[in-house]
C-alpha atoms as a PDB file:
ATOM      1  CA  UNK A   1     -42.422  -7.433  42.025  1.00  0.00           C
ATOM      2  CA  UNK A   2     -40.356  -7.740  39.307  1.00  0.00           C
ATOM      3  CA  UNK A   3     -40.050  -4.480  37.123  1.00  0.00           C
ATOM      4  CA  UNK A   4     -42.245  -5.998  34.429  1.00  0.00           C
ATOM      5  CA  UNK A   5     -44.973  -6.514  36.536  1.00  0.00           C
ATOM      6  CA  UNK A   6     -44.508  -3.020  38.438  1.00  0.00           C
ATOM      7  CA  UNK A   7     -44.986  -1.455  35.040  1.00  0.00           C
ATOM      8  CA  UNK A   8     -47.749  -3.786  33.513  1.00  0.00           C
ATOM      9  CA  UNK A   9     -49.867  -2.546  36.537  1.00  0.00           C
ATOM     10  CA  UNK A  10     -48.975   1.242  36.105  1.00  0.00           C
ATOM     11  CA  UNK A  11     -50.178   1.035  32.379  1.00  0.00           C
ATOM     12  CA  UNK A  12     -53.120  -0.867  33.227  1.00  0.00           C
ATOM     13  CA  UNK A  13     -53.805   1.930  35.988  1.00  0.00           C
ATOM     14  CA  UNK A  14     -53.275   4.227  33.421  1.00  0.00           C
ATOM     15  CA  UNK A  15     -55.450   2.699  30.822  1.00  0.00           C
ATOM     16  CA  UNK A  16     -58.366   2.297  33.126  1.00  0.00           C
ATOM     17  CA  UNK A  17     -58.257   6.089  34.239  1.00  0.00           C
ATOM     18  CA  UNK A  18     -57.755   5.307  37.102  1.00  0.00           C
ATOM     19  CA  UNK A  19     -54.401   7.069  37.782  1.00  0.00           C
ATOM     20  CA  UNK A  20     -52.265  10.007  36.144  1.00  0.00           C
ATOM     21  CA  UNK A  21     -49.411  12.041  36.351  1.00  0.00           C
ATOM     22  CA  UNK A  22     -49.572  15.412  38.466  1.00  0.00           C
ATOM     23  CA  UNK A  23     -46.947  18.041  37.755  1.00  0.00           C
ATOM     24  CA  UNK A  24     -44.481  16.915  40.773  1.00  0.00           C
ATOM     25  CA  UNK A  25     -45.016  12.873  40.671  1.00  0.00           C
ATOM     26  CA  UNK A  26     -45.630  10.286  38.237  1.00  0.00           C
ATOM     27  CA  UNK A  27     -48.172   7.513  38.432  1.00  0.00           C
ATOM     28  CA  UNK A  28     -44.686   5.515  38.635  1.00  0.00           C
ATOM     29  CA  UNK A  29     -44.143   7.234  41.710  1.00  0.00           C
ATOM     30  CA  UNK A  30     -47.144   7.810  43.555  1.00  0.00           C
ATOM     31  CA  UNK A  31     -47.418   3.643  43.049  1.00  0.00           C
ATOM     32  CA  UNK A  32     -44.051   3.049  44.317  1.00  0.00           C
ATOM     33  CA  UNK A  33     -45.110   4.908  47.383  1.00  0.00           C
ATOM     34  CA  UNK A  34     -47.690   3.174  47.815  1.00  0.00           C
ATOM     35  CA  UNK A  35     -45.838  -0.445  47.150  1.00  0.00           C
ATOM     36  CA  UNK A  36     -43.246   0.577  49.537  1.00  0.00           C
ATOM     37  CA  UNK A  37     -45.511   0.964  52.400  1.00  0.00           C
ATOM     38  CA  UNK A  38     -47.031  -2.608  51.872  1.00  0.00           C
ATOM     39  CA  UNK A  39     -44.069  -3.839  51.968  1.00  0.00           C
ATOM     40  CA  UNK A  40     -42.592  -2.450  55.122  1.00  0.00           C
ATOM     41  CA  UNK A  41     -45.088  -1.043  56.838  1.00  0.00           C
ATOM     42  CA  UNK A  42     -43.739   2.302  56.254  1.00  0.00           C
ATOM     43  CA  UNK A  43     -44.870   5.179  58.614  1.00  0.00           C
ATOM     44  CA  UNK A  44     -45.545   8.121  56.074  1.00  0.00           C
ATOM     45  CA  UNK A  45     -42.132   9.718  57.943  1.00  0.00           C
ATOM     46  CA  UNK A  46     -40.542   6.543  56.611  1.00  0.00           C
ATOM     47  CA  UNK A  47     -41.865   7.493  52.971  1.00  0.00           C
ATOM     48  CA  UNK A  48     -41.319  10.649  53.116  1.00  0.00           C
ATOM     49  CA  UNK A  49     -37.468  10.888  53.886  1.00  0.00           C
ATOM     50  CA  UNK A  50     -37.431   7.837  50.882  1.00  0.00           C
ATOM     51  CA  UNK A  51     -39.360   9.920  48.455  1.00  0.00           C
ATOM     52  CA  UNK A  52     -38.582  13.142  49.529  1.00  0.00           C
ATOM     53  CA  UNK A  53     -41.873  14.481  49.607  1.00  0.00           C
ATOM     54  CA  UNK A  54     -44.230  16.304  52.144  1.00  0.00           C
ATOM     55  CA  UNK A  55     -46.379  14.413  54.405  1.00  0.00           C
ATOM     56  CA  UNK A  56     -49.535  16.016  52.772  1.00  0.00           C
ATOM     57  CA  UNK A  57     -48.606  14.878  49.382  1.00  0.00           C
ATOM     58  CA  UNK A  58     -47.286  10.923  50.522  1.00  0.00           C
ATOM     59  CA  UNK A  59     -50.482  10.508  52.468  1.00  0.00           C
ATOM     60  CA  UNK A  60     -52.899  12.024  49.228  1.00  0.00           C
ATOM     61  CA  UNK A  61     -51.348   9.438  46.944  1.00  0.00           C
ATOM     62  CA  UNK A  62     -51.293   6.453  49.538  1.00  0.00           C
ATOM     63  CA  UNK A  63     -55.067   7.350  49.560  1.00  0.00           C
ATOM     64  CA  UNK A  64     -55.516   7.718  46.216  1.00  0.00           C
ATOM     65  CA  UNK A  65     -53.564   4.432  44.704  1.00  0.00           C
ATOM     66  CA  UNK A  66     -55.145   2.364  47.472  1.00  0.00           C
ATOM     67  CA  UNK A  67     -58.596   3.638  45.970  1.00  0.00           C
ATOM     68  CA  UNK A  68     -57.474   2.693  42.437  1.00  0.00           C
ATOM     69  CA  UNK A  69     -56.155  -0.213  43.392  1.00  0.00           C
ATOM     70  CA  UNK A  70     -59.106  -1.223  45.543  1.00  0.00           C
ATOM     71  CA  UNK A  71     -61.109  -0.938  42.146  1.00  0.00           C
ATOM     72  CA  UNK A  72     -59.363  -2.876  40.303  1.00  0.00           C
ATOM     73  CA  UNK A  73     -59.899  -5.815  42.902  1.00  0.00           C
ATOM     74  CA  UNK A  74     -62.896  -7.229  40.802  1.00  0.00           C
ATOM     75  CA  UNK A  75     -60.997  -7.806  37.876  1.00  0.00           C
ATOM     76  CA  UNK A  76     -58.110 -10.257  40.359  1.00  0.00           C
ATOM     77  CA  UNK A  77     -60.058 -11.674  43.122  1.00  0.00           C
ATOM     78  CA  UNK A  78     -62.884 -13.927  42.629  1.00  0.00           C
ATOM     79  CA  UNK A  79     -65.485 -13.881  44.612  1.00  0.00           C
ATOM     80  CA  UNK A  80     -66.638 -16.451  47.215  1.00  0.00           C
ATOM     81  CA  UNK A  81     -67.699 -19.782  45.429  1.00  0.00           C
ATOM     82  CA  UNK A  82     -70.605 -22.168  46.254  1.00  0.00           C
ATOM     83  CA  UNK A  83     -68.824 -25.048  44.926  1.00  0.00           C
ATOM     84  CA  UNK A  84     -66.750 -27.268  46.715  1.00  0.00           C
ATOM     85  CA  UNK A  85     -62.875 -26.143  46.678  1.00  0.00           C
ATOM     86  CA  UNK A  86     -60.397 -28.475  44.506  1.00  0.00           C
ATOM     87  CA  UNK A  87     -58.232 -29.133  47.755  1.00  0.00           C
ATOM     88  CA  UNK A  88     -61.539 -31.156  49.417  1.00  0.00           C
ATOM     89  CA  UNK A  89     -62.953 -32.549  46.411  1.00  0.00           C
ATOM     90  CA  UNK A  90     -59.625 -33.798  45.781  1.00  0.00           C
ATOM     91  CA  UNK A  91     -58.732 -35.243  48.669  1.00  0.00           C
ATOM     92  CA  UNK A  92     -60.278 -38.317  50.423  1.00  0.00           C
ATOM     93  CA  UNK A  93     -59.870 -37.550  54.244  1.00  0.00           C
ATOM     94  CA  UNK A  94     -60.992 -33.746  53.398  1.00  0.00           C
ATOM     95  CA  UNK A  95     -63.955 -34.979  51.187  1.00  0.00           C
ATOM     96  CA  UNK A  96     -67.355 -35.477  51.361  1.00  0.00           C
ATOM     97  CA  UNK A  97     -67.159 -34.744  55.391  1.00  0.00           C
ATOM     98  CA  UNK A  98     -66.220 -30.836  54.719  1.00  0.00           C
ATOM     99  CA  UNK A  99     -68.130 -30.645  51.070  1.00  0.00           C
ATOM    100  CA  UNK A 100     -69.635 -27.996  52.500  1.00  0.00           C
ATOM    101  CA  UNK A 101     -67.112 -25.878  53.909  1.00  0.00           C
ATOM    102  CA  UNK A 102     -66.528 -22.546  52.503  1.00  0.00           C
ATOM    103  CA  UNK A 103     -63.373 -21.796  53.825  1.00  0.00           C
ATOM    104  CA  UNK A 104     -61.034 -21.333  56.612  1.00  0.00           C
ATOM    105  CA  UNK A 105     -61.393 -18.458  59.125  1.00  0.00           C
ATOM    106  CA  UNK A 106     -58.059 -17.168  60.035  1.00  0.00           C
ATOM    107  CA  UNK A 107     -58.716 -14.217  62.498  1.00  0.00           C
ATOM    108  CA  UNK A 108     -54.316 -13.437  62.861  1.00  0.00           C
ATOM    109  CA  UNK A 109     -54.447 -12.169  59.299  1.00  0.00           C
ATOM    110  CA  UNK A 110     -54.222  -8.613  60.236  1.00  0.00           C
ATOM    111  CA  UNK A 111     -52.175  -9.499  63.426  1.00  0.00           C
ATOM    112  CA  UNK A 112     -53.793  -7.905  65.960  1.00  0.00           C
ATOM    113  CA  UNK A 113     -53.743 -10.506  68.324  1.00  0.00           C
ATOM    114  CA  UNK A 114     -55.284  -9.702  71.947  1.00  0.00           C
ATOM    115  CA  UNK A 115     -56.831  -6.626  70.841  1.00  0.00           C
ATOM    116  CA  UNK A 116     -60.812  -8.295  70.936  1.00  0.00           C
ATOM    117  CA  UNK A 117     -61.478 -11.546  71.273  1.00  0.00           C
ATOM    118  CA  UNK A 118     -62.072 -13.611  67.718  1.00  0.00           C
ATOM    119  CA  UNK A 119     -65.898 -14.262  68.984  1.00  0.00           C
ATOM    120  CA  UNK A 120     -66.343 -10.752  69.758  1.00  0.00           C
ATOM    121  CA  UNK A 121     -64.754  -9.721  66.150  1.00  0.00           C
ATOM    122  CA  UNK A 122     -66.563 -12.050  64.040  1.00  0.00           C
ATOM    123  CA  UNK A 123     -70.134 -11.008  66.014  1.00  0.00           C
ATOM    124  CA  UNK A 124     -69.342  -7.231  64.828  1.00  0.00           C
ATOM    125  CA  UNK A 125     -68.700  -8.511  61.405  1.00  0.00           C
ATOM    126  CA  UNK A 126     -72.181 -10.488  61.667  1.00  0.00           C
ATOM    127  CA  UNK A 127     -73.555  -7.161  62.562  1.00  0.00           C
ATOM    128  CA  UNK A 128     -72.268  -5.196  60.022  1.00  0.00           C
ATOM    129  CA  UNK A 129     -73.285  -8.267  56.975  1.00  0.00           C
ATOM    130  CA  UNK A 130     -71.077 -10.863  56.829  1.00  0.00           C
ATOM    131  CA  UNK A 131     -73.081 -14.018  56.209  1.00  0.00           C
ATOM    132  CA  UNK A 132     -72.249 -17.417  56.267  1.00  0.00           C
ATOM    133  CA  UNK A 133     -73.593 -19.011  52.386  1.00  0.00           C
ATOM    134  CA  UNK A 134     -76.735 -21.003  52.641  1.00  0.00           C
ATOM    135  CA  UNK A 135     -75.606 -24.424  53.450  1.00  0.00           C
ATOM    136  CA  UNK A 136     -72.257 -23.778  53.929  1.00  0.00           C
ATOM    137  CA  UNK A 137     -70.184 -23.225  57.307  1.00  0.00           C
ATOM    138  CA  UNK A 138     -66.877 -22.531  57.871  1.00  0.00           C
ATOM    139  CA  UNK A 139     -63.879 -24.767  59.875  1.00  0.00           C
ATOM    140  CA  UNK A 140     -62.475 -22.230  62.785  1.00  0.00           C
ATOM    141  CA  UNK A 141     -60.009 -22.126  65.339  1.00  0.00           C
ATOM    142  CA  UNK A 142     -60.657 -22.073  69.302  1.00  0.00           C
ATOM    143  CA  UNK A 143     -61.024 -18.580  69.388  1.00  0.00           C
ATOM    144  CA  UNK A 144     -65.064 -19.381  68.623  1.00  0.00           C
ATOM    145  CA  UNK A 145     -67.364 -21.269  70.156  1.00  0.00           C
ATOM    146  CA  UNK A 146     -68.641 -23.933  67.616  1.00  0.00           C
ATOM    147  CA  UNK A 147     -71.956 -23.350  66.222  1.00  0.00           C
ATOM    148  CA  UNK A 148     -73.778 -24.876  62.997  1.00  0.00           C
ATOM    149  CA  UNK A 149     -72.240 -21.649  61.205  1.00  0.00           C
ATOM    150  CA  UNK A 150     -68.622 -22.300  62.682  1.00  0.00           C
ATOM    151  CA  UNK A 151     -66.826 -25.275  63.314  1.00  0.00           C
ATOM    152  CA  UNK A 152     -63.771 -25.487  65.698  1.00  0.00           C
ATOM    153  CA  UNK A 153     -62.337 -28.188  67.000  1.00  0.00           C
ATOM    154  CA  UNK A 154     -62.880 -30.514  70.053  1.00  0.00           C
ATOM    155  CA  UNK A 155     -61.893 -30.032  73.290  1.00  0.00           C
ATOM    156  CA  UNK A 156     -58.987 -31.444  75.109  1.00  0.00           C
ATOM    157  CA  UNK A 157     -57.893 -33.198  72.020  1.00  0.00           C
ATOM    158  CA  UNK A 158     -54.599 -31.932  70.288  1.00  0.00           C
ATOM    159  CA  UNK A 159     -51.972 -33.056  68.335  1.00  0.00           C
ATOM    160  CA  UNK A 160     -48.233 -31.711  67.436  1.00  0.00           C
ATOM    161  CA  UNK A 161     -48.471 -32.682  63.520  1.00  0.00           C
ATOM    162  CA  UNK A 162     -45.261 -33.276  62.265  1.00  0.00           C
ATOM    163  CA  UNK A 163     -44.479 -35.445  65.621  1.00  0.00           C
ATOM    164  CA  UNK A 164     -47.563 -37.449  65.073  1.00  0.00           C
ATOM    165  CA  UNK A 165     -46.431 -38.214  61.431  1.00  0.00           C
ATOM    166  CA  UNK A 166     -42.928 -39.156  62.171  1.00  0.00           C
ATOM    167  CA  UNK A 167     -44.366 -41.491  64.611  1.00  0.00           C
ATOM    168  CA  UNK A 168     -46.502 -42.864  62.639  1.00  0.00           C
ATOM    169  CA  UNK A 169     -49.411 -42.778  65.319  1.00  0.00           C
ATOM    170  CA  UNK A 170     -53.114 -42.675  64.119  1.00  0.00           C
ATOM    171  CA  UNK A 171     -56.202 -41.475  65.746  1.00  0.00           C
ATOM    172  CA  UNK A 172     -57.528 -43.458  68.570  1.00  0.00           C
ATOM    173  CA  UNK A 173     -60.863 -42.122  67.989  1.00  0.00           C
ATOM    174  CA  UNK A 174     -63.573 -39.735  66.301  1.00  0.00           C
ATOM    175  CA  UNK A 175     -62.334 -36.762  67.818  1.00  0.00           C
ATOM    176  CA  UNK A 176     -58.462 -36.858  67.301  1.00  0.00           C
ATOM    177  CA  UNK A 177     -59.781 -38.066  64.011  1.00  0.00           C
ATOM    178  CA  UNK A 178     -61.759 -34.927  63.195  1.00  0.00           C
ATOM    179  CA  UNK A 179     -59.152 -32.333  65.371  1.00  0.00           C
ATOM    180  CA  UNK A 180     -56.145 -33.900  63.254  1.00  0.00           C
ATOM    181  CA  UNK A 181     -57.966 -33.661  60.067  1.00  0.00           C
ATOM    182  CA  UNK A 182     -59.711 -30.153  60.673  1.00  0.00           C
ATOM    183  CA  UNK A 183     -55.969 -28.697  61.240  1.00  0.00           C
ATOM    184  CA  UNK A 184     -54.891 -30.267  58.437  1.00  0.00           C
ATOM    185  CA  UNK A 185     -57.313 -28.246  56.021  1.00  0.00           C
ATOM    186  CA  UNK A 186     -56.482 -24.837  58.514  1.00  0.00           C
ATOM    187  CA  UNK A 187     -52.993 -24.797  57.462  1.00  0.00           C
ATOM    188  CA  UNK A 188     -53.588 -25.283  53.841  1.00  0.00           C
ATOM    189  CA  UNK A 189     -55.444 -21.997  54.330  1.00  0.00           C
ATOM    190  CA  UNK A 190     -52.827 -20.553  56.924  1.00  0.00           C
ATOM    191  CA  UNK A 191     -50.161 -21.058  53.901  1.00  0.00           C
ATOM    192  CA  UNK A 192     -51.919 -18.254  51.656  1.00  0.00           C
ATOM    193  CA  UNK A 193     -52.422 -16.266  54.591  1.00  0.00           C
ATOM    194  CA  UNK A 194     -48.976 -16.764  55.874  1.00  0.00           C
ATOM    195  CA  UNK A 195     -47.813 -16.227  52.118  1.00  0.00           C
ATOM    196  CA  UNK A 196     -49.674 -12.741  51.975  1.00  0.00           C
ATOM    197  CA  UNK A 197     -48.435 -11.646  55.216  1.00  0.00           C
ATOM    198  CA  UNK A 198     -44.431 -12.556  53.968  1.00  0.00           C
ATOM    199  CA  UNK A 199     -45.398 -10.114  51.303  1.00  0.00           C
ATOM    200  CA  UNK A 200     -46.887  -7.663  52.368  1.00  0.00           C
ATOM    201  CA  UNK A 201     -45.836  -6.872  56.196  1.00  0.00           C
ATOM    202  CA  UNK A 202     -47.946  -4.172  56.568  1.00  0.00           C
ATOM    203  CA  UNK A 203     -50.688  -7.652  57.398  1.00  0.00           C
ATOM    204  CA  UNK A 204     -48.486  -8.712  59.711  1.00  0.00           C
ATOM    205  CA  UNK A 205     -48.972  -5.604  62.574  1.00  0.00           C
ATOM    206  CA  UNK A 206     -51.313  -2.859  63.515  1.00  0.00           C
ATOM    207  CA  UNK A 207     -50.665  -0.334  60.982  1.00  0.00           C
ATOM    208  CA  UNK A 208     -49.949   3.988  61.173  1.00  0.00           C
ATOM    209  CA  UNK A 209     -53.296   4.324  58.708  1.00  0.00           C
ATOM    210  CA  UNK A 210     -56.791   4.856  59.730  1.00  0.00           C
ATOM    211  CA  UNK A 211     -59.520   2.559  60.659  1.00  0.00           C
ATOM    212  CA  UNK A 212     -61.052   3.044  57.328  1.00  0.00           C
ATOM    213  CA  UNK A 213     -58.617   2.483  55.268  1.00  0.00           C
ATOM    214  CA  UNK A 214     -57.775  -0.805  56.872  1.00  0.00           C
ATOM    215  CA  UNK A 215     -59.771  -3.176  55.158  1.00  0.00           C
ATOM    216  CA  UNK A 216     -58.839  -1.647  52.444  1.00  0.00           C
ATOM    217  CA  UNK A 217     -55.593  -2.525  52.698  1.00  0.00           C
ATOM    218  CA  UNK A 218     -56.090  -5.839  52.859  1.00  0.00           C
ATOM    219  CA  UNK A 219     -58.033  -5.733  49.603  1.00  0.00           C
ATOM    220  CA  UNK A 220     -55.450  -4.030  48.155  1.00  0.00           C
ATOM    221  CA  UNK A 221     -52.708  -6.265  48.844  1.00  0.00           C
ATOM    222  CA  UNK A 222     -54.583  -9.264  47.869  1.00  0.00           C
ATOM    223  CA  UNK A 223     -55.808  -7.458  44.089  1.00  0.00           C
ATOM    224  CA  UNK A 224     -51.549  -7.290  44.003  1.00  0.00           C
ATOM    225  CA  UNK A 225     -50.688 -10.632  45.243  1.00  0.00           C
ATOM    226  CA  UNK A 226     -52.943 -12.411  42.234  1.00  0.00           C
ATOM    227  CA  UNK A 227     -51.674  -9.563  40.009  1.00  0.00           C
ATOM    228  CA  UNK A 228     -47.938 -10.664  40.288  1.00  0.00           C
ATOM    229  CA  UNK A 229     -49.210 -14.147  40.439  1.00  0.00           C
ATOM    230  CA  UNK A 230     -51.397 -13.877  37.154  1.00  0.00           C
ATOM    231  CA  UNK A 231     -48.352 -12.182  35.112  1.00  0.00           C
ATOM    232  CA  UNK A 232     -45.632 -14.874  36.725  1.00  0.00           C
ATOM    233  CA  UNK A 233     -43.863 -12.905  39.223  1.00  0.00           C
ATOM    234  CA  UNK A 234     -41.297 -15.030  41.415  1.00  0.00           C
ATOM    235  CA  UNK A 235     -40.535 -14.393  44.762  1.00  0.00           C
ATOM    236  CA  UNK A 236     -38.508 -16.601  47.399  1.00  0.00           C
ATOM    237  CA  UNK A 237     -41.938 -16.302  48.971  1.00  0.00           C
ATOM    238  CA  UNK A 238     -43.676 -18.860  47.024  1.00  0.00           C
ATOM    239  CA  UNK A 239     -41.624 -21.808  49.403  1.00  0.00           C
ATOM    240  CA  UNK A 240     -43.163 -20.595  52.593  1.00  0.00           C
ATOM    241  CA  UNK A 241     -44.004 -23.537  54.705  1.00  0.00           C
ATOM    242  CA  UNK A 242     -46.040 -22.749  58.068  1.00  0.00           C
ATOM    243  CA  UNK A 243     -46.209 -26.503  59.067  1.00  0.00           C
ATOM    244  CA  UNK A 244     -43.687 -25.958  61.672  1.00  0.00           C
ATOM    245  CA  UNK A 245     -42.387 -28.369  64.403  1.00  0.00           C
ATOM    246  CA  UNK A 246     -44.796 -26.794  66.644  1.00  0.00           C
ATOM    247  CA  UNK A 247     -48.007 -26.893  64.741  1.00  0.00           C
ATOM    248  CA  UNK A 248     -50.801 -28.427  66.765  1.00  0.00           C
ATOM    249  CA  UNK A 249     -54.744 -29.108  66.965  1.00  0.00           C
ATOM    250  CA  UNK A 250     -55.657 -26.819  69.580  1.00  0.00           C
ATOM    251  CA  UNK A 251     -58.091 -27.210  72.399  1.00  0.00           C
ATOM    252  CA  UNK A 252     -61.766 -26.220  70.916  1.00  0.00           C
ATOM    253  CA  UNK A 253     -64.620 -25.028  73.195  1.00  0.00           C
ATOM    254  CA  UNK A 254     -61.788 -24.322  75.998  1.00  0.00           C
ATOM    255  CA  UNK A 255     -60.901 -22.070  74.823  1.00  0.00           C
ATOM    256  CA  UNK A 256     -63.809 -19.752  73.954  1.00  0.00           C
ATOM    257  CA  UNK A 257     -64.367 -16.953  76.393  1.00  0.00           C
ATOM    258  CA  UNK A 258     -68.169 -17.618  76.014  1.00  0.00           C
ATOM    259  CA  UNK A 259     -68.373 -13.726  75.871  1.00  0.00           C
ATOM    260  CA  UNK A 260     -70.800 -13.628  72.773  1.00  0.00           C
ATOM    261  CA  UNK A 261     -74.339 -15.166  73.917  1.00  0.00           C
ATOM    262  CA  UNK A 262     -75.482 -15.155  70.261  1.00  0.00           C
ATOM    263  CA  UNK A 263     -73.110 -18.133  69.558  1.00  0.00           C
ATOM    264  CA  UNK A 264     -73.471 -19.863  73.109  1.00  0.00           C
ATOM    265  CA  UNK A 265     -77.034 -20.140  72.338  1.00  0.00           C
ATOM    266  CA  UNK A 266     -75.904 -21.981  69.209  1.00  0.00           C
ATOM    267  CA  UNK A 267     -73.461 -24.325  70.901  1.00  0.00           C
ATOM    268  CA  UNK A 268     -75.282 -27.374  70.931  1.00  0.00           C
ATOM    269  CA  UNK A 269     -76.877 -27.431  67.308  1.00  0.00           C
ATOM    270  CA  UNK A 270     -73.560 -27.258  66.608  1.00  0.00           C
ATOM    271  CA  UNK A 271     -71.922 -30.163  68.923  1.00  0.00           C
ATOM    272  CA  UNK A 272     -74.296 -32.024  67.456  1.00  0.00           C
ATOM    273  CA  UNK A 273     -73.532 -31.300  63.347  1.00  0.00           C
ATOM    274  CA  UNK A 274     -69.793 -31.674  64.470  1.00  0.00           C
ATOM    275  CA  UNK A 275     -70.367 -35.133  66.013  1.00  0.00           C
ATOM    276  CA  UNK A 276     -72.440 -36.273  62.579  1.00  0.00           C
ATOM    277  CA  UNK A 277     -69.240 -35.438  60.552  1.00  0.00           C
ATOM    278  CA  UNK A 278     -66.960 -36.522  63.093  1.00  0.00           C
ATOM    279  CA  UNK A 279     -68.328 -40.237  63.399  1.00  0.00           C
ATOM    280  CA  UNK A 280     -68.914 -40.190  59.528  1.00  0.00           C
ATOM    281  CA  UNK A 281     -65.438 -39.737  59.403  1.00  0.00           C
ATOM    282  CA  UNK A 282     -64.509 -42.048  61.698  1.00  0.00           C
ATOM    283  CA  UNK A 283     -66.696 -45.228  60.671  1.00  0.00           C
ATOM    284  CA  UNK A 284     -65.263 -44.100  57.165  1.00  0.00           C
ATOM    285  CA  UNK A 285     -61.595 -44.246  58.753  1.00  0.00           C
ATOM    286  CA  UNK A 286     -62.138 -47.900  60.642  1.00  0.00           C
ATOM    287  CA  UNK A 287     -63.779 -49.367  57.384  1.00  0.00           C
ATOM    288  CA  UNK A 288     -60.866 -48.650  55.418  1.00  0.00           C
ATOM    289  CA  UNK A 289     -58.064 -49.783  57.697  1.00  0.00           C
ATOM    290  CA  UNK A 290     -59.725 -53.379  58.153  1.00  0.00           C
ATOM    291  CA  UNK A 291     -60.228 -53.501  53.941  1.00  0.00           C
END
């Protein structure tokens, strides 16, 4: 974060009366400790040594700044829209097939692979109030069941995207075409998540902070990223490109562990919906190729 952006954020927090100087720390230092923690996934001890404050002081101001930054989130994070994303709307290979797609579900955003199955995490979120907007669905990776609300890739159909492009090979059936475009759209979202994780490495691995704070940390990172963008911040992180040679379309249902019964019950309906989308996509693709 450039110094002028840092100062703009300090001013904004002061203007909104979300933070103020204390006897021993200014708003600038409070925010600096917070940003240092996010940028380095620093422990309380790391911050103590860097800023020469006690463990209690570091902990207290991290909580205060986290709460303050989250109070600003509504101003700088746009809520989910029911409108079709311009990425989909303006791309022939995505529209109109994914016109009801809300967003990709990327489970690795917080970097805790192996702690629980993707499907169980999703089920827990649904139980706590997560909802798919009416008429929408999410594109998901192979860790999930394919259901009407969460569309996964087809089983056993793989692609190395860059190798496929260099060889100038084309999909040979509707499943290959669907999986290829599914992965291509997923890469758009993964790139955004990748940029966010590069800017704030605290999102890459399990943190030192209490579970109650961890959701707020993700929101704070998103808010700060948008604040930097709005103020024309420059950073090499913007050059991130995650479409490496090993990027693949994973096997779909094959990798799902069938460990959430409510999702298992919906797989037939999900398969029917996915086939409808894939067949429409394939028929249009074949017509275009013949033209």
